N, C-alpha and C. Protein backbone atom coordinates (compact mmCIF):
# COMPACT_ATOMS: atom_id res chain seq x y z
N UNK A 1 74.34 96.76 99.45
CA UNK A 1 74.55 98.14 99.84
C UNK A 1 75.82 98.29 100.68
N UNK A 2 76.09 97.34 101.56
CA UNK A 2 77.27 97.39 102.42
C UNK A 2 78.55 97.43 101.59
N UNK A 3 78.62 96.64 100.52
CA UNK A 3 79.81 96.62 99.66
C UNK A 3 80.04 98.00 99.05
N UNK A 4 79.00 98.63 98.59
CA UNK A 4 79.12 99.94 97.97
C UNK A 4 79.66 100.97 98.96
N UNK A 5 79.18 100.92 100.20
CA UNK A 5 79.65 101.85 101.23
C UNK A 5 81.13 101.63 101.51
N UNK A 6 81.54 100.38 101.67
CA UNK A 6 82.94 100.05 101.94
C UNK A 6 83.83 100.51 100.78
N UNK A 7 83.43 100.23 99.55
CA UNK A 7 84.23 100.57 98.38
C UNK A 7 84.33 102.08 98.19
N UNK A 8 83.21 102.76 98.30
CA UNK A 8 83.23 104.22 98.11
C UNK A 8 84.04 104.91 99.20
N UNK A 9 83.96 104.41 100.43
CA UNK A 9 84.74 104.98 101.53
C UNK A 9 86.24 104.87 101.26
N UNK A 10 86.64 103.87 100.48
CA UNK A 10 88.05 103.67 100.15
C UNK A 10 88.44 104.40 98.87
N UNK A 11 87.55 105.22 98.32
CA UNK A 11 87.87 106.01 97.13
C UNK A 11 87.66 105.29 95.81
N UNK A 12 86.90 104.20 95.82
CA UNK A 12 86.63 103.45 94.58
C UNK A 12 85.48 104.12 93.85
N UNK A 13 85.61 104.25 92.53
CA UNK A 13 84.54 104.83 91.69
C UNK A 13 83.73 103.71 91.07
N UNK A 14 82.46 103.97 90.84
CA UNK A 14 81.59 102.98 90.19
C UNK A 14 81.25 101.84 91.11
N UNK A 15 81.08 100.68 90.54
CA UNK A 15 80.84 99.49 91.34
C UNK A 15 79.42 99.33 91.86
N UNK A 16 78.43 99.85 91.14
CA UNK A 16 77.05 99.68 91.57
C UNK A 16 76.65 98.21 91.55
N UNK A 17 75.94 97.81 92.55
CA UNK A 17 75.45 96.44 92.72
C UNK A 17 76.57 95.42 92.86
N UNK A 18 77.71 95.86 93.39
CA UNK A 18 78.78 94.93 93.73
C UNK A 18 78.45 94.27 95.06
N UNK A 19 78.93 93.04 95.22
CA UNK A 19 78.68 92.33 96.47
C UNK A 19 80.00 91.81 97.04
N UNK A 20 79.98 91.59 98.35
CA UNK A 20 81.11 90.99 99.04
C UNK A 20 80.56 89.82 99.83
N UNK A 21 81.09 88.63 99.61
CA UNK A 21 80.66 87.48 100.37
C UNK A 21 81.22 87.53 101.79
N UNK A 22 82.19 88.39 102.01
CA UNK A 22 82.77 88.64 103.32
C UNK A 22 83.32 90.05 103.27
N UNK A 23 83.53 90.66 104.39
CA UNK A 23 84.01 92.05 104.41
C UNK A 23 85.53 92.13 104.32
N UNK A 24 86.18 91.12 103.81
CA UNK A 24 87.63 91.08 103.79
C UNK A 24 88.20 91.56 102.46
N UNK A 25 87.83 92.77 102.06
CA UNK A 25 88.39 93.38 100.87
C UNK A 25 89.19 94.60 101.33
N UNK A 26 90.48 94.61 101.03
CA UNK A 26 91.34 95.73 101.41
C UNK A 26 91.61 96.58 100.18
N UNK A 27 91.24 97.83 100.26
CA UNK A 27 91.50 98.77 99.17
C UNK A 27 92.56 99.74 99.65
N UNK A 28 93.71 99.73 98.98
CA UNK A 28 94.81 100.63 99.32
C UNK A 28 94.96 101.64 98.19
N UNK A 29 94.15 102.67 98.24
CA UNK A 29 94.15 103.67 97.20
C UNK A 29 95.10 104.79 97.62
N UNK A 30 96.35 104.68 97.21
CA UNK A 30 97.38 105.64 97.59
C UNK A 30 97.49 106.74 96.54
N UNK A 31 96.40 107.45 96.33
CA UNK A 31 96.38 108.56 95.39
C UNK A 31 96.13 108.17 93.96
N UNK A 32 95.97 106.89 93.66
CA UNK A 32 95.64 106.43 92.31
C UNK A 32 94.15 106.46 92.08
N UNK A 33 93.72 105.87 90.97
CA UNK A 33 92.31 105.80 90.63
C UNK A 33 91.90 104.34 90.53
N UNK A 34 90.87 103.96 91.27
CA UNK A 34 90.32 102.60 91.18
C UNK A 34 88.88 102.73 90.73
N UNK A 35 88.57 102.07 89.59
CA UNK A 35 87.23 102.11 89.03
C UNK A 35 86.74 100.69 88.82
N UNK A 36 85.55 100.40 89.34
CA UNK A 36 84.95 99.07 89.18
C UNK A 36 83.67 99.18 88.36
N UNK A 37 83.43 98.16 87.53
CA UNK A 37 82.19 98.07 86.81
C UNK A 37 81.07 97.59 87.72
N UNK A 38 79.89 97.52 87.19
CA UNK A 38 78.71 97.11 87.96
C UNK A 38 78.62 95.60 88.10
N UNK A 39 77.92 95.17 89.13
CA UNK A 39 77.58 93.77 89.38
C UNK A 39 78.79 92.86 89.55
N UNK A 40 79.81 93.36 90.21
CA UNK A 40 80.97 92.54 90.52
C UNK A 40 80.79 91.84 91.85
N UNK A 41 81.61 90.82 92.08
CA UNK A 41 81.52 90.06 93.33
C UNK A 41 82.91 89.77 93.86
N UNK A 42 83.10 90.05 95.15
CA UNK A 42 84.32 89.69 95.86
C UNK A 42 83.99 88.54 96.81
N UNK A 43 84.70 87.43 96.68
CA UNK A 43 84.48 86.27 97.55
C UNK A 43 85.74 86.08 98.38
N UNK A 44 85.69 86.50 99.63
CA UNK A 44 86.91 86.47 100.43
C UNK A 44 86.71 85.84 101.80
N UNK A 45 86.10 84.67 101.89
CA UNK A 45 85.88 84.10 103.21
C UNK A 45 87.17 83.61 103.89
N UNK A 46 88.14 83.12 103.13
CA UNK A 46 89.36 82.58 103.74
C UNK A 46 90.48 83.60 103.87
N UNK A 47 90.60 84.49 102.91
CA UNK A 47 91.72 85.42 102.88
C UNK A 47 91.31 86.73 102.21
N UNK A 48 91.93 87.79 102.63
CA UNK A 48 91.60 89.14 102.16
C UNK A 48 91.94 89.33 100.68
N UNK A 49 91.03 89.99 99.96
CA UNK A 49 91.29 90.44 98.59
C UNK A 49 91.92 91.82 98.69
N UNK A 50 92.95 92.09 97.87
CA UNK A 50 93.67 93.35 97.93
C UNK A 50 93.62 94.07 96.60
N UNK A 51 93.16 95.32 96.60
CA UNK A 51 93.22 96.20 95.43
C UNK A 51 94.10 97.38 95.82
N UNK A 52 95.09 97.70 94.96
CA UNK A 52 96.01 98.78 95.30
C UNK A 52 96.34 99.60 94.08
N UNK A 53 96.25 100.94 94.21
CA UNK A 53 96.63 101.86 93.15
C UNK A 53 97.46 102.98 93.77
N UNK A 54 98.69 103.13 93.32
CA UNK A 54 99.61 104.14 93.83
C UNK A 54 99.67 105.29 92.82
N UNK A 55 99.56 106.53 93.31
CA UNK A 55 99.54 107.70 92.42
C UNK A 55 100.71 107.67 91.45
N UNK A 56 100.48 107.98 90.21
CA UNK A 56 99.24 108.38 89.55
C UNK A 56 98.54 107.21 88.84
N UNK A 57 98.70 106.02 89.31
CA UNK A 57 98.22 104.81 88.63
C UNK A 57 96.70 104.74 88.52
N UNK A 58 96.25 103.92 87.56
CA UNK A 58 94.82 103.64 87.44
C UNK A 58 94.62 102.13 87.41
N UNK A 59 93.60 101.70 88.13
CA UNK A 59 93.17 100.30 88.16
C UNK A 59 91.71 100.29 87.77
N UNK A 60 91.38 99.61 86.68
CA UNK A 60 90.02 99.59 86.17
C UNK A 60 89.59 98.15 85.89
N UNK A 61 88.44 97.77 86.46
CA UNK A 61 87.87 96.43 86.25
C UNK A 61 86.47 96.60 85.69
N UNK A 62 86.16 95.89 84.61
CA UNK A 62 84.85 95.99 83.96
C UNK A 62 83.72 95.39 84.78
N UNK A 63 82.59 95.28 84.18
CA UNK A 63 81.38 94.78 84.84
C UNK A 63 81.37 93.26 84.96
N UNK A 64 80.58 92.79 85.91
CA UNK A 64 80.33 91.35 86.14
C UNK A 64 81.60 90.57 86.44
N UNK A 65 82.47 91.11 87.26
CA UNK A 65 83.71 90.43 87.64
C UNK A 65 83.47 89.53 88.85
N UNK A 66 84.36 88.57 89.04
CA UNK A 66 84.35 87.71 90.22
C UNK A 66 85.79 87.57 90.68
N UNK A 67 86.09 88.08 91.86
CA UNK A 67 87.45 88.03 92.39
C UNK A 67 87.42 87.21 93.67
N UNK A 68 88.21 86.15 93.69
CA UNK A 68 88.17 85.16 94.76
C UNK A 68 89.15 85.48 95.89
N UNK A 69 89.05 84.70 96.96
CA UNK A 69 89.81 84.89 98.19
C UNK A 69 91.31 84.97 97.95
N UNK A 70 91.96 85.90 98.64
CA UNK A 70 93.41 86.01 98.59
C UNK A 70 93.97 86.63 97.33
N UNK A 71 93.12 87.02 96.39
CA UNK A 71 93.59 87.61 95.14
C UNK A 71 94.11 89.03 95.39
N UNK A 72 95.05 89.47 94.55
CA UNK A 72 95.56 90.83 94.67
C UNK A 72 95.80 91.44 93.30
N UNK A 73 95.50 92.73 93.21
CA UNK A 73 95.74 93.50 91.98
C UNK A 73 96.43 94.78 92.40
N UNK A 74 97.64 95.01 91.83
CA UNK A 74 98.45 96.16 92.19
C UNK A 74 98.77 96.98 90.95
N UNK A 75 98.51 98.30 91.03
CA UNK A 75 98.79 99.20 89.91
C UNK A 75 99.71 100.33 90.35
N UNK A 76 100.86 100.43 89.70
CA UNK A 76 101.77 101.57 89.86
C UNK A 76 101.73 102.43 88.60
N UNK A 77 101.22 101.87 87.52
CA UNK A 77 101.08 102.58 86.25
C UNK A 77 99.64 102.43 85.78
N UNK A 78 99.31 101.24 85.25
CA UNK A 78 97.96 101.01 84.74
C UNK A 78 97.65 99.51 84.66
N UNK A 79 96.52 99.13 85.25
CA UNK A 79 95.98 97.79 85.09
C UNK A 79 94.54 97.97 84.60
N UNK A 80 94.26 97.42 83.42
CA UNK A 80 92.94 97.54 82.82
C UNK A 80 92.40 96.15 82.55
N UNK A 81 91.21 95.86 83.09
CA UNK A 81 90.59 94.54 82.98
C UNK A 81 89.19 94.71 82.39
N UNK A 82 88.85 93.86 81.42
CA UNK A 82 87.55 93.95 80.75
C UNK A 82 86.41 93.36 81.55
N UNK A 83 85.26 93.25 80.89
CA UNK A 83 84.04 92.69 81.49
C UNK A 83 84.13 91.18 81.64
N UNK A 84 83.29 90.63 82.53
CA UNK A 84 83.12 89.19 82.72
C UNK A 84 84.44 88.50 83.08
N UNK A 85 85.21 89.14 83.92
CA UNK A 85 86.52 88.66 84.37
C UNK A 85 86.36 87.78 85.60
N UNK A 86 87.10 86.66 85.63
CA UNK A 86 87.07 85.75 86.78
C UNK A 86 88.51 85.53 87.26
N UNK A 87 88.70 85.69 88.57
CA UNK A 87 90.04 85.58 89.16
C UNK A 87 89.99 84.57 90.29
N UNK A 88 90.76 83.49 90.16
CA UNK A 88 90.76 82.42 91.14
C UNK A 88 91.44 82.82 92.44
N UNK A 89 91.32 81.94 93.45
CA UNK A 89 91.93 82.22 94.75
C UNK A 89 93.44 82.39 94.65
N UNK A 90 93.94 83.36 95.37
CA UNK A 90 95.37 83.62 95.52
C UNK A 90 96.09 83.95 94.21
N UNK A 91 95.34 84.38 93.20
CA UNK A 91 95.94 84.86 91.95
C UNK A 91 96.38 86.31 92.16
N UNK A 92 97.33 86.76 91.33
CA UNK A 92 97.80 88.14 91.46
C UNK A 92 98.07 88.75 90.09
N UNK A 93 97.84 90.06 90.04
CA UNK A 93 98.14 90.85 88.85
C UNK A 93 98.92 92.06 89.34
N UNK A 94 100.07 92.33 88.72
CA UNK A 94 100.86 93.49 89.12
C UNK A 94 101.54 94.10 87.90
N UNK A 95 101.50 95.42 87.82
CA UNK A 95 102.19 96.09 86.72
C UNK A 95 103.61 96.52 87.12
N UNK A 96 104.06 96.02 88.27
CA UNK A 96 105.43 96.28 88.72
C UNK A 96 106.04 95.01 89.30
N UNK A 97 107.34 94.90 89.12
CA UNK A 97 108.06 93.77 89.71
C UNK A 97 108.26 93.99 91.20
N UNK A 98 108.10 95.22 91.66
CA UNK A 98 108.19 95.52 93.07
C UNK A 98 109.58 95.84 93.56
N UNK A 99 110.58 95.40 92.84
CA UNK A 99 111.96 95.68 93.23
C UNK A 99 112.84 95.63 91.98
N UNK A 100 114.00 96.23 92.08
CA UNK A 100 114.90 96.23 90.94
C UNK A 100 115.66 94.91 90.84
N UNK A 101 115.97 94.52 89.63
CA UNK A 101 116.75 93.31 89.39
C UNK A 101 118.23 93.65 89.40
N UNK A 102 118.58 94.74 88.72
CA UNK A 102 119.95 95.21 88.65
C UNK A 102 120.04 96.52 89.43
N UNK A 103 121.02 96.64 90.28
CA UNK A 103 121.17 97.83 91.11
C UNK A 103 121.19 99.10 90.27
N UNK A 104 120.39 100.08 90.68
CA UNK A 104 120.34 101.37 90.00
C UNK A 104 119.34 101.48 88.88
N UNK A 105 118.77 100.37 88.42
CA UNK A 105 117.81 100.41 87.31
C UNK A 105 116.40 100.75 87.77
N UNK A 106 116.09 100.52 89.02
CA UNK A 106 114.73 100.74 89.50
C UNK A 106 113.85 99.54 89.16
N UNK A 107 112.70 99.48 89.77
CA UNK A 107 111.76 98.38 89.53
C UNK A 107 111.11 98.54 88.17
N UNK A 108 110.90 97.44 87.47
CA UNK A 108 110.21 97.47 86.18
C UNK A 108 108.74 97.75 86.41
N UNK A 109 108.22 98.74 85.68
CA UNK A 109 106.81 99.08 85.73
C UNK A 109 106.31 99.14 84.30
N UNK A 110 105.25 98.35 83.97
CA UNK A 110 104.69 98.34 82.62
C UNK A 110 103.21 98.00 82.71
N UNK A 111 102.36 98.67 81.94
CA UNK A 111 100.92 98.46 82.02
C UNK A 111 100.51 97.01 81.74
N UNK A 112 99.43 96.58 82.38
CA UNK A 112 98.83 95.27 82.16
C UNK A 112 97.43 95.50 81.60
N UNK A 113 97.11 94.75 80.52
CA UNK A 113 95.78 94.85 79.91
C UNK A 113 95.20 93.44 79.81
N UNK A 114 94.00 93.26 80.34
CA UNK A 114 93.32 91.96 80.29
C UNK A 114 91.97 92.18 79.62
N UNK A 115 91.68 91.37 78.61
CA UNK A 115 90.47 91.53 77.82
C UNK A 115 89.20 91.07 78.53
N UNK A 116 88.15 90.93 77.75
CA UNK A 116 86.84 90.48 78.24
C UNK A 116 86.79 88.96 78.37
N UNK A 117 86.01 88.50 79.33
CA UNK A 117 85.75 87.06 79.51
C UNK A 117 87.04 86.25 79.69
N UNK A 118 87.91 86.77 80.54
CA UNK A 118 89.18 86.09 80.85
C UNK A 118 89.05 85.43 82.21
N UNK A 119 89.63 84.24 82.33
CA UNK A 119 89.58 83.48 83.58
C UNK A 119 91.01 83.16 84.01
N UNK A 120 91.39 83.65 85.20
CA UNK A 120 92.68 83.33 85.80
C UNK A 120 92.44 82.26 86.85
N UNK A 121 93.10 81.11 86.74
CA UNK A 121 92.94 80.04 87.71
C UNK A 121 93.64 80.34 89.03
N UNK A 122 93.51 79.43 89.95
CA UNK A 122 94.09 79.57 91.29
C UNK A 122 95.61 79.77 91.22
N UNK A 123 96.10 80.76 91.97
CA UNK A 123 97.53 80.98 92.10
C UNK A 123 98.24 81.55 90.88
N UNK A 124 97.51 82.03 89.89
CA UNK A 124 98.13 82.60 88.69
C UNK A 124 98.83 83.91 89.06
N UNK A 125 99.97 84.17 88.43
CA UNK A 125 100.67 85.46 88.57
C UNK A 125 100.80 86.09 87.20
N UNK A 126 100.22 87.28 87.03
CA UNK A 126 100.34 88.03 85.78
C UNK A 126 101.37 89.13 86.02
N UNK A 127 102.43 89.12 85.22
CA UNK A 127 103.58 89.99 85.42
C UNK A 127 103.44 91.31 84.63
N UNK A 128 104.29 92.30 84.93
CA UNK A 128 104.22 93.60 84.27
C UNK A 128 104.37 93.51 82.76
N UNK A 129 103.61 94.37 82.06
CA UNK A 129 103.72 94.49 80.61
C UNK A 129 102.95 93.46 79.81
N UNK A 130 102.17 92.61 80.46
CA UNK A 130 101.44 91.54 79.78
C UNK A 130 100.08 92.03 79.28
N UNK A 131 99.70 91.56 78.08
CA UNK A 131 98.35 91.76 77.55
C UNK A 131 97.74 90.38 77.36
N UNK A 132 96.54 90.18 77.89
CA UNK A 132 95.81 88.91 77.74
C UNK A 132 94.57 89.20 76.92
N UNK A 133 94.41 88.48 75.80
CA UNK A 133 93.30 88.70 74.90
C UNK A 133 91.97 88.17 75.42
N UNK A 134 90.90 88.57 74.75
CA UNK A 134 89.54 88.14 75.12
C UNK A 134 89.42 86.62 75.13
N UNK A 135 88.60 86.12 76.03
CA UNK A 135 88.23 84.69 76.12
C UNK A 135 89.39 83.76 76.45
N UNK A 136 90.47 84.29 76.99
CA UNK A 136 91.62 83.45 77.35
C UNK A 136 91.40 82.80 78.71
N UNK A 137 92.01 81.64 78.89
CA UNK A 137 91.97 80.92 80.17
C UNK A 137 93.42 80.66 80.58
N UNK A 138 93.74 81.03 81.82
CA UNK A 138 95.09 80.83 82.34
C UNK A 138 95.01 79.73 83.41
N UNK A 139 95.71 78.63 83.20
CA UNK A 139 95.67 77.49 84.11
C UNK A 139 96.25 77.78 85.48
N UNK A 140 95.82 77.02 86.46
CA UNK A 140 96.22 77.21 87.85
C UNK A 140 97.74 77.25 88.01
N UNK A 141 98.20 78.13 88.88
CA UNK A 141 99.61 78.28 89.26
C UNK A 141 100.53 78.67 88.11
N UNK A 142 99.98 79.21 87.05
CA UNK A 142 100.80 79.66 85.92
C UNK A 142 101.40 81.03 86.21
N UNK A 143 102.55 81.30 85.59
CA UNK A 143 103.17 82.61 85.67
C UNK A 143 103.16 83.18 84.25
N UNK A 144 102.42 84.25 84.05
CA UNK A 144 102.24 84.83 82.72
C UNK A 144 103.26 85.95 82.55
N UNK A 145 104.26 85.69 81.69
CA UNK A 145 105.34 86.65 81.47
C UNK A 145 105.29 87.28 80.08
N UNK A 146 104.47 86.69 79.19
CA UNK A 146 104.35 87.18 77.81
C UNK A 146 102.88 87.31 77.45
N UNK A 147 102.61 88.06 76.39
CA UNK A 147 101.23 88.27 75.95
C UNK A 147 100.54 86.95 75.62
N UNK A 148 99.23 86.91 75.87
CA UNK A 148 98.42 85.73 75.59
C UNK A 148 97.38 86.11 74.54
N UNK A 149 97.36 85.42 73.40
CA UNK A 149 96.38 85.74 72.37
C UNK A 149 94.95 85.45 72.82
N UNK A 150 93.99 86.07 72.18
CA UNK A 150 92.58 85.80 72.45
C UNK A 150 92.27 84.34 72.16
N UNK A 151 91.26 83.80 72.83
CA UNK A 151 90.76 82.43 72.59
C UNK A 151 91.85 81.37 72.76
N UNK A 152 92.67 81.51 73.79
CA UNK A 152 93.77 80.59 74.01
C UNK A 152 93.80 80.13 75.46
N UNK A 153 94.12 78.85 75.67
CA UNK A 153 94.36 78.32 77.01
C UNK A 153 95.87 78.24 77.18
N UNK A 154 96.39 78.83 78.27
CA UNK A 154 97.81 78.74 78.56
C UNK A 154 97.99 78.19 79.97
N UNK A 155 99.13 77.56 80.21
CA UNK A 155 99.43 77.02 81.54
C UNK A 155 100.93 76.83 81.66
N UNK A 156 101.41 76.79 82.90
CA UNK A 156 102.81 76.50 83.16
C UNK A 156 103.58 77.68 83.71
N UNK A 157 104.86 77.40 83.99
CA UNK A 157 105.75 78.42 84.50
C UNK A 157 107.02 78.40 83.67
N UNK A 158 107.21 79.30 82.74
CA UNK A 158 106.28 80.35 82.34
C UNK A 158 105.11 79.78 81.53
N UNK A 159 104.01 80.53 81.49
CA UNK A 159 102.81 80.06 80.79
C UNK A 159 103.07 79.91 79.29
N UNK A 160 102.60 78.77 78.76
CA UNK A 160 102.72 78.47 77.33
C UNK A 160 101.36 78.06 76.79
N UNK A 161 101.11 78.30 75.50
CA UNK A 161 99.82 77.89 74.92
C UNK A 161 99.62 76.37 75.00
N UNK A 162 98.43 75.98 75.43
CA UNK A 162 98.05 74.57 75.52
C UNK A 162 97.14 74.19 74.37
N UNK A 163 96.16 75.07 74.13
CA UNK A 163 95.26 74.84 72.99
C UNK A 163 94.51 76.10 72.64
N UNK A 164 93.91 76.08 71.47
CA UNK A 164 93.11 77.20 71.00
C UNK A 164 91.65 76.96 71.34
N UNK A 165 90.94 78.02 71.63
CA UNK A 165 89.51 77.92 71.89
C UNK A 165 88.70 78.44 70.71
N UNK A 166 89.36 78.64 69.57
CA UNK A 166 88.69 79.16 68.40
C UNK A 166 87.51 78.27 68.03
N UNK A 167 86.40 78.92 67.75
CA UNK A 167 85.20 78.18 67.41
C UNK A 167 85.20 77.82 65.94
N UNK A 168 84.84 76.61 65.66
CA UNK A 168 84.78 76.12 64.28
C UNK A 168 83.37 76.30 63.74
N UNK A 169 83.28 76.55 62.44
CA UNK A 169 81.95 76.67 61.82
C UNK A 169 81.37 75.28 61.57
N UNK A 170 82.19 74.24 61.66
CA UNK A 170 81.73 72.86 61.49
C UNK A 170 81.29 72.29 62.83
N UNK A 171 80.05 71.79 62.94
CA UNK A 171 79.61 71.24 64.21
C UNK A 171 80.43 70.01 64.62
N UNK A 172 80.65 69.86 65.93
CA UNK A 172 81.38 68.68 66.43
C UNK A 172 80.44 67.49 66.48
N UNK A 173 81.01 66.31 66.25
CA UNK A 173 80.19 65.09 66.30
C UNK A 173 80.71 64.14 67.32
């Protein structure tokens, strides 16, 4: 119940039966929309979890998510995350680079879409404009700069495919 009160007070929609293992969740809803699915869990005993949506952005996370200590999700346009999402400690997702690369161009802003049953390992950075398919696994400390197909394990800086998780109809022996 305490998690629901904290989240709703910060302008978060949804999120029934969400839990916080610690009260260290910072919601910076600067006129955007933050929507959480049901039965999510924030685990932040060591470091604050940060959710941020700047008007007119939308940040949406599906049901049964697990977001670990020090993780951050920032939306200036749109960040959409599916159900059964797991985010490791100190991982980040941002739909903006935060600053311009070339003077006068402005900061790059592009929507981020993450499918169902995706796992981001510790220290992963998901960059603007990336789409990650269902059932993908992103290895620890990877920087995701390009789209990741469904059922794929990627790792590295920049993240590259390591192997496929496609299920075979032939049983393994």
